[in-house]
Amino acid sequence: MALCTRNGASYLTEQLHSVFTQTVPVAELIVSDDDSSDGTVALAGRLAADAGVRMTLLENRPPLGVTKNFEQAVRHATGDLVALADQDDIWHPDKLERATAVFDDPSALLVHSDARLVGPDGEPLGSTMFEQLEVPDEELRLEESGRGFDAVLRRNLATGATVLFRRSLLERALPFPETWVHDEWLAAIAASYGGLRVLREPTVDYRLHGANQIGVEAPTLRRKVNRVVGEPRGDRNRVLALKFAELAARLAALDDVPDALKAAANDKAQFERVRARMPRARALRTASVTRLMIAGGYGRFASRGRFDILRDLLQRA
């Protein structure tokens, strides 16, 4: 298991207890710590020793940041299957048992799951990650059928705290690019080989406490309206274009990825480039939006489909 930490002592005992009491035992613990100053490292060492779990400690001064910290952690993992873990969540007792069963399918490279959202004290908040993201059944069926790359072209659904992957995936995924978050990059590379899988049920409690480095927002009506007319366009589409151009370049260097998927990554990058270059004036965006809509770009590549048509037409510059 690859666990990345940074001043996580507040919740680490509960998290590691849930890890060490799995129905399928954890063979090793890789802790990659980003310059903690609250006793996180010592606490992890005591908990691992008490549980009789072999721990490898990596300490970063100065800190590496989330993605590079996880990259360092997974590079040191030795097992055939590698689980990612955050410092503040809680694994359900059979998380590993359910996830490892997916790899009875030899084509599976990475599996992720839903996560139950809980508050700082672990109290359920009444919803799950997939519910907050409003994930439609269609996207889940794409991953279940081995067509996860079509889902990845729209958006990432894999939350790192739920991920288990074959270590052999790292031969294609390393190094992690700086523009991508570690979990979405691993999911994208797995999907390019038809190896992305999903469990629809939660396998972890994902704790929201106000200091999460990567969080989730409720899809309220106010939030949706604000995304269309309140938020400025910003650099979102430019960043997406850069990310998928980088993915296309990585896939081009891999001989065993289908040409159609390489082309699709390029098409996604071009779709986002066009969106990023739309005029500042709303009235002048209509032609670009219409062309993308007629070409089917919103249905194929936009995370929110028709909603993103409205966003591109109405969002303020």
Protein backbone atom coordinates (compact mmCIF):
# COMPACT_ATOMS: atom_id res chain seq x y z
CA MET A 1 0.00 0.00 0.00
CA ALA A 2 1.25 3.47 -0.92
CA LEU A 3 0.30 6.10 1.66
CA CYS A 4 1.23 9.76 1.25
CA THR A 5 1.18 12.00 4.29
CA ARG A 6 1.59 15.63 5.26
CA ASN A 7 0.72 16.64 8.82
CA GLY A 8 -1.90 13.91 9.01
CA ALA A 9 -1.62 12.81 12.63
CA SER A 10 -5.20 13.86 13.46
CA TYR A 11 -6.80 11.06 11.45
CA LEU A 12 -3.95 8.64 10.80
CA THR A 13 -4.69 6.21 13.65
CA GLU A 14 -8.22 5.58 12.43
CA GLN A 15 -7.09 5.24 8.82
CA LEU A 16 -4.26 2.79 9.50
CA HIS A 17 -6.42 0.74 11.85
CA SER A 18 -8.89 0.31 8.99
CA VAL A 19 -6.01 -0.72 6.71
CA PHE A 20 -4.43 -3.20 9.12
CA THR A 21 -7.73 -4.95 9.91
CA GLN A 22 -8.69 -5.76 6.30
CA THR A 23 -10.14 -9.18 5.49
CA VAL A 24 -7.26 -9.46 3.01
CA PRO A 25 -4.03 -8.47 4.85
CA VAL A 26 -1.80 -5.65 3.63
CA ALA A 27 1.65 -7.04 2.83
CA GLU A 28 3.64 -3.80 2.99
CA LEU A 29 3.19 -0.13 3.80
CA ILE A 30 5.05 2.55 1.88
CA VAL A 31 4.81 5.91 3.67
CA SER A 32 6.00 8.89 1.66
CA ASP A 33 5.87 11.94 3.90
CA ASP A 34 5.93 15.54 2.68
CA ASP A 35 7.77 17.35 5.47
CA SER A 36 5.31 16.71 8.32
CA SER A 37 5.88 18.54 11.60
CA ASP A 38 3.08 17.04 13.73
CA GLY A 39 4.44 13.60 14.58
CA THR A 40 2.87 11.86 11.58
CA VAL A 41 5.99 9.86 10.76
CA ALA A 42 6.55 8.54 14.28
CA LEU A 43 2.87 7.67 14.63
CA ALA A 44 2.85 5.71 11.37
CA GLY A 45 5.93 3.79 12.49
CA ARG A 46 4.36 2.83 15.83
CA LEU A 47 1.08 1.74 14.27
CA ALA A 48 2.82 -0.37 11.62
CA ALA A 49 5.07 -2.00 14.22
CA ASP A 50 2.11 -2.80 16.48
CA ALA A 51 0.31 -4.40 13.53
CA GLY A 52 3.40 -6.36 12.42
CA VAL A 53 3.35 -4.73 8.97
CA ARG A 54 6.62 -4.02 7.18
CA MET A 55 6.93 -0.27 6.57
CA THR A 56 9.19 1.65 4.21
CA LEU A 57 9.54 5.33 5.10
CA LEU A 58 10.41 8.05 2.60
CA GLU A 59 10.78 11.61 3.91
CA ASN A 60 10.72 14.66 1.66
CA ARG A 61 12.28 17.96 2.65
CA PRO A 62 11.21 20.15 0.93
CA PRO A 63 7.83 18.58 0.11
CA LEU A 64 7.26 17.14 -3.36
CA GLY A 65 3.56 17.93 -3.73
CA VAL A 66 0.71 15.45 -4.11
CA THR A 67 1.42 13.89 -7.51
CA LYS A 68 5.19 13.54 -7.19
CA ASN A 69 4.81 12.29 -3.63
CA PHE A 70 2.54 9.48 -4.84
CA GLU A 71 4.90 8.77 -7.72
CA GLN A 72 7.74 8.31 -5.27
CA ALA A 73 5.61 6.04 -3.08
CA VAL A 74 4.47 3.70 -5.87
CA ARG A 75 8.00 3.44 -7.27
CA HIS A 76 8.99 1.76 -4.00
CA ALA A 77 6.09 -0.70 -3.89
CA THR A 78 7.06 -4.33 -4.50
CA GLY A 79 3.74 -6.18 -4.60
CA ASP A 80 1.94 -7.21 -7.77
CA LEU A 81 -1.05 -5.08 -6.71
CA VAL A 82 -0.66 -1.58 -5.28
CA ALA A 83 -3.33 0.27 -3.31
CA LEU A 84 -3.29 4.04 -2.98
CA ALA A 85 -4.30 5.59 0.34
CA ASP A 86 -4.87 9.03 1.78
CA GLN A 87 -4.04 9.83 5.39
CA ASP A 88 -7.52 10.89 6.49
CA ASP A 89 -9.99 8.34 5.09
CA ILE A 90 -11.37 5.05 6.44
CA TRP A 91 -11.28 1.81 4.48
CA HIS A 92 -14.28 -0.47 4.71
CA PRO A 93 -13.21 -3.86 6.16
CA ASP A 94 -13.53 -5.75 2.85
CA LYS A 95 -12.15 -3.01 0.57
CA LEU A 96 -9.12 -5.00 -0.53
CA GLU A 97 -11.04 -8.25 -0.78
CA ARG A 98 -13.58 -6.74 -3.14
CA ALA A 99 -10.97 -4.87 -5.18
CA THR A 100 -8.52 -7.75 -5.55
CA ALA A 101 -11.31 -10.00 -6.85
CA VAL A 102 -11.53 -7.75 -9.92
CA PHE A 103 -8.04 -8.86 -10.94
CA ASP A 104 -9.23 -12.40 -11.55
CA ASP A 105 -9.82 -10.82 -14.96
CA PRO A 106 -6.31 -10.77 -16.47
CA SER A 107 -7.15 -7.73 -18.61
CA ALA A 108 -7.94 -5.56 -15.56
CA LEU A 109 -5.19 -3.04 -14.77
CA LEU A 110 -6.84 -0.63 -12.33
CA VAL A 111 -10.03 -0.65 -10.32
CA HIS A 112 -11.61 2.21 -8.41
CA SER A 113 -14.88 2.52 -6.55
CA ASP A 114 -17.43 4.89 -5.15
CA ALA A 115 -16.75 6.44 -1.73
CA ARG A 116 -19.11 7.37 1.08
CA LEU A 117 -18.70 11.01 2.09
CA VAL A 118 -18.25 11.63 5.81
CA GLY A 119 -17.55 14.68 7.93
CA PRO A 120 -14.57 15.46 10.19
CA ASP A 121 -15.82 13.12 12.92
CA GLY A 122 -16.62 10.32 10.50
CA GLU A 123 -20.36 10.95 10.48
CA PRO A 124 -21.99 10.07 7.11
CA LEU A 125 -23.06 13.11 5.11
CA GLY A 126 -25.82 11.25 3.29
CA SER A 127 -24.25 10.93 -0.13
CA THR A 128 -21.40 9.34 -2.06
CA MET A 129 -18.70 10.60 -4.38
CA PHE A 130 -20.48 9.32 -7.50
CA GLU A 131 -23.71 10.99 -6.37
CA GLN A 132 -21.94 14.30 -5.84
CA LEU A 133 -20.34 14.01 -9.28
CA GLU A 134 -23.72 13.05 -10.77
CA VAL A 135 -22.16 10.07 -12.53
CA PRO A 136 -24.67 8.60 -15.01
CA ASP A 137 -25.11 4.87 -15.45
CA GLU A 138 -23.74 5.21 -18.98
CA GLU A 139 -20.29 6.24 -17.77
CA LEU A 140 -20.09 3.38 -15.29
CA ARG A 141 -21.13 0.89 -17.96
CA LEU A 142 -18.33 2.14 -20.21
CA GLU A 143 -15.76 1.22 -17.56
CA GLU A 144 -17.44 -2.07 -16.76
CA SER A 145 -17.37 -3.08 -20.43
CA GLY A 146 -13.70 -2.25 -21.00
CA ARG A 147 -14.47 1.01 -22.82
CA GLY A 148 -13.21 3.23 -20.03
CA PHE A 149 -11.20 5.40 -22.40
CA ASP A 150 -14.46 6.86 -23.73
CA ALA A 151 -15.32 7.86 -20.15
CA VAL A 152 -11.83 9.28 -19.51
CA LEU A 153 -12.19 11.54 -22.54
CA ARG A 154 -15.07 13.23 -20.72
CA ARG A 155 -13.74 13.37 -17.17
CA ASN A 156 -11.92 11.44 -14.47
CA LEU A 157 -14.02 9.36 -12.07
CA ALA A 158 -11.21 7.56 -10.22
CA THR A 159 -10.58 8.84 -6.70
CA GLY A 160 -7.10 7.82 -5.55
CA ALA A 161 -8.23 6.72 -2.10
CA THR A 162 -10.26 3.94 -3.74
CA VAL A 163 -7.69 2.79 -6.32
CA LEU A 164 -5.96 -0.58 -6.62
CA PHE A 165 -3.78 -1.27 -9.65
CA ARG A 166 -1.32 -3.76 -11.09
CA ARG A 167 2.26 -2.64 -10.52
CA SER A 168 2.98 -3.59 -14.15
CA LEU A 169 0.91 -0.52 -15.14
CA LEU A 170 3.79 1.65 -13.94
CA GLU A 171 5.93 0.45 -16.86
CA ARG A 172 3.65 2.53 -19.09
CA ALA A 173 2.57 5.26 -16.67
CA LEU A 174 5.90 6.46 -15.23
CA PRO A 175 6.89 9.20 -14.94
CA PHE A 176 3.68 11.00 -13.94
CA PRO A 177 3.34 14.31 -15.84
CA GLU A 178 3.05 17.45 -13.74
CA THR A 179 -0.18 18.52 -15.44
CA TRP A 180 -2.06 15.41 -14.27
CA VAL A 181 -3.06 14.26 -10.80
CA HIS A 182 -1.66 10.80 -10.06
CA ASP A 183 -4.98 8.95 -9.86
CA GLU A 184 -6.47 10.35 -13.06
CA TRP A 185 -3.22 9.68 -14.96
CA LEU A 186 -3.08 6.05 -13.84
CA ALA A 187 -6.75 5.65 -14.76
CA ALA A 188 -6.17 7.17 -18.20
CA ILE A 189 -3.23 4.88 -18.98
CA ALA A 190 -5.14 1.84 -17.72
CA ALA A 191 -8.13 2.83 -19.85
CA SER A 192 -5.97 3.13 -22.96
CA TYR A 193 -5.38 -0.64 -22.65
CA GLY A 194 -9.02 -1.45 -21.88
CA GLY A 195 -8.02 -2.19 -18.28
CA LEU A 196 -10.03 0.37 -16.29
CA ARG A 197 -12.65 -1.15 -13.99
CA VAL A 198 -15.09 0.21 -11.42
CA LEU A 199 -16.94 -1.00 -8.34
CA ARG A 200 -20.21 0.88 -8.02
CA GLU A 201 -20.42 0.53 -4.24
CA PRO A 202 -18.35 2.58 -1.75
CA THR A 203 -15.25 0.85 -0.40
CA VAL A 204 -13.96 3.77 1.70
CA ASP A 205 -15.28 6.62 3.80
CA TYR A 206 -13.92 9.79 2.20
CA ARG A 207 -13.49 12.37 4.94
CA LEU A 208 -14.28 16.02 4.20
CA HIS A 209 -12.75 18.27 6.82
CA GLY A 210 -12.02 21.57 5.14
CA ALA A 211 -8.32 20.91 4.61
CA ASN A 212 -8.52 18.27 1.86
CA GLN A 213 -5.93 18.85 -0.82
CA ILE A 214 -8.46 17.59 -3.39
CA GLY A 215 -12.12 17.86 -2.44
CA VAL A 216 -15.65 17.59 -3.82
CA GLU A 217 -18.50 20.07 -4.02
CA ALA A 218 -22.21 19.35 -3.90
CA PRO A 219 -23.97 19.78 -7.28
CA THR A 220 -26.54 22.25 -5.97
CA LEU A 221 -28.65 24.38 -8.32
CA ARG A 222 -26.77 27.46 -7.11
CA ARG A 223 -23.45 25.78 -7.92
CA LYS A 224 -24.63 24.77 -11.40
CA VAL A 225 -25.95 28.23 -12.25
CA ASN A 226 -22.75 29.84 -10.96
CA ARG A 227 -20.64 27.56 -13.17
CA VAL A 228 -22.60 28.74 -16.21
CA VAL A 229 -22.91 32.48 -15.65
CA GLY A 230 -20.98 33.36 -12.50
CA GLU A 231 -17.54 31.83 -12.82
CA PRO A 232 -15.06 33.28 -15.30
CA ARG A 233 -13.86 30.98 -18.05
CA GLY A 234 -10.34 31.03 -16.71
CA ASP A 235 -7.71 28.49 -17.82
CA ARG A 236 -9.76 25.30 -17.42
CA ASN A 237 -9.98 24.43 -21.11
CA ARG A 238 -6.39 25.45 -21.79
CA VAL A 239 -5.24 23.13 -19.01
CA LEU A 240 -7.39 20.28 -20.36
CA ALA A 241 -5.90 20.82 -23.82
CA LEU A 242 -2.38 20.62 -22.40
CA LYS A 243 -3.20 17.51 -20.39
CA PHE A 244 -4.65 15.57 -23.29
CA ALA A 245 -1.88 16.68 -25.63
CA GLU A 246 0.49 15.21 -23.06
CA LEU A 247 -1.56 12.02 -22.90
CA ALA A 248 -1.57 11.79 -26.70
CA ALA A 249 2.21 12.16 -26.73
CA ARG A 250 2.63 9.38 -24.15
CA LEU A 251 0.28 7.05 -26.04
CA ALA A 252 2.12 7.77 -29.30
CA ALA A 253 5.27 6.39 -27.67
CA LEU A 254 3.50 3.14 -26.71
CA ASP A 255 3.36 0.63 -29.55
CA ASP A 256 0.57 -1.49 -28.09
CA VAL A 257 -2.10 1.22 -27.77
CA PRO A 258 -4.74 1.14 -30.55
CA ASP A 259 -4.35 3.92 -33.12
CA ALA A 260 -8.00 4.88 -32.65
CA LEU A 261 -7.38 5.74 -29.00
CA LYS A 262 -4.27 7.74 -29.86
CA ALA A 263 -6.35 9.72 -32.36
CA ALA A 264 -9.13 10.20 -29.80
CA ALA A 265 -6.70 11.75 -27.30
CA ASN A 266 -5.54 14.18 -29.99
CA ASP A 267 -9.15 14.99 -30.88
CA LYS A 268 -9.95 15.68 -27.23
CA ALA A 269 -6.96 18.02 -26.97
CA GLN A 270 -8.09 19.87 -30.10
CA PHE A 271 -11.65 20.14 -28.77
CA GLU A 272 -10.38 21.81 -25.59
CA ARG A 273 -8.01 24.07 -27.55
CA VAL A 274 -10.94 25.41 -29.56
CA ARG A 275 -12.91 26.01 -26.37
CA ALA A 276 -9.95 27.78 -24.76
CA ARG A 277 -9.61 30.13 -27.75
CA MET A 278 -13.24 31.20 -27.88
CA PRO A 279 -13.73 35.00 -27.98
CA ARG A 280 -14.16 36.90 -24.75
CA ALA A 281 -17.42 38.40 -25.99
CA ARG A 282 -20.31 35.98 -25.48
CA ALA A 283 -22.04 36.97 -28.72
CA LEU A 284 -18.98 35.97 -30.74
CA ARG A 285 -18.77 32.42 -29.33
CA THR A 286 -21.86 31.11 -31.09
CA ALA A 287 -20.09 30.08 -34.30
CA SER A 288 -17.39 28.09 -32.47
CA VAL A 289 -19.91 26.41 -30.19
CA THR A 290 -22.12 25.51 -33.14
CA ARG A 291 -19.25 23.92 -35.05
CA LEU A 292 -18.22 21.83 -32.05
CA MET A 293 -21.81 20.82 -31.42
CA ILE A 294 -22.41 19.74 -35.03
CA ALA A 295 -19.17 17.73 -34.99
CA GLY A 296 -20.39 15.88 -31.89
CA GLY A 297 -17.62 17.20 -29.68
CA TYR A 298 -19.77 18.04 -26.68
CA GLY A 299 -21.38 14.62 -26.61
CA ARG A 300 -18.04 12.85 -26.91
CA PHE A 301 -15.64 15.01 -24.94
CA ALA A 302 -17.42 17.44 -22.59
CA SER A 303 -17.75 16.38 -18.97
CA ARG A 304 -21.32 17.72 -18.77
CA GLY A 305 -22.47 17.32 -22.37
CA ARG A 306 -25.19 19.82 -23.27
CA PHE A 307 -24.62 21.68 -20.02
CA ASP A 308 -21.16 22.61 -21.32
CA ILE A 309 -22.74 24.12 -24.42
CA LEU A 310 -24.52 26.58 -22.15
CA ARG A 311 -21.36 27.14 -20.17
CA ASP A 312 -19.36 28.02 -23.29
CA LEU A 313 -22.10 30.36 -24.53
CA LEU A 314 -22.84 32.15 -21.26
CA GLN A 315 -19.77 32.01 -19.03
CA ARG A 316 -18.19 35.39 -18.48
CA ALA A 317 -14.69 36.00 -19.79
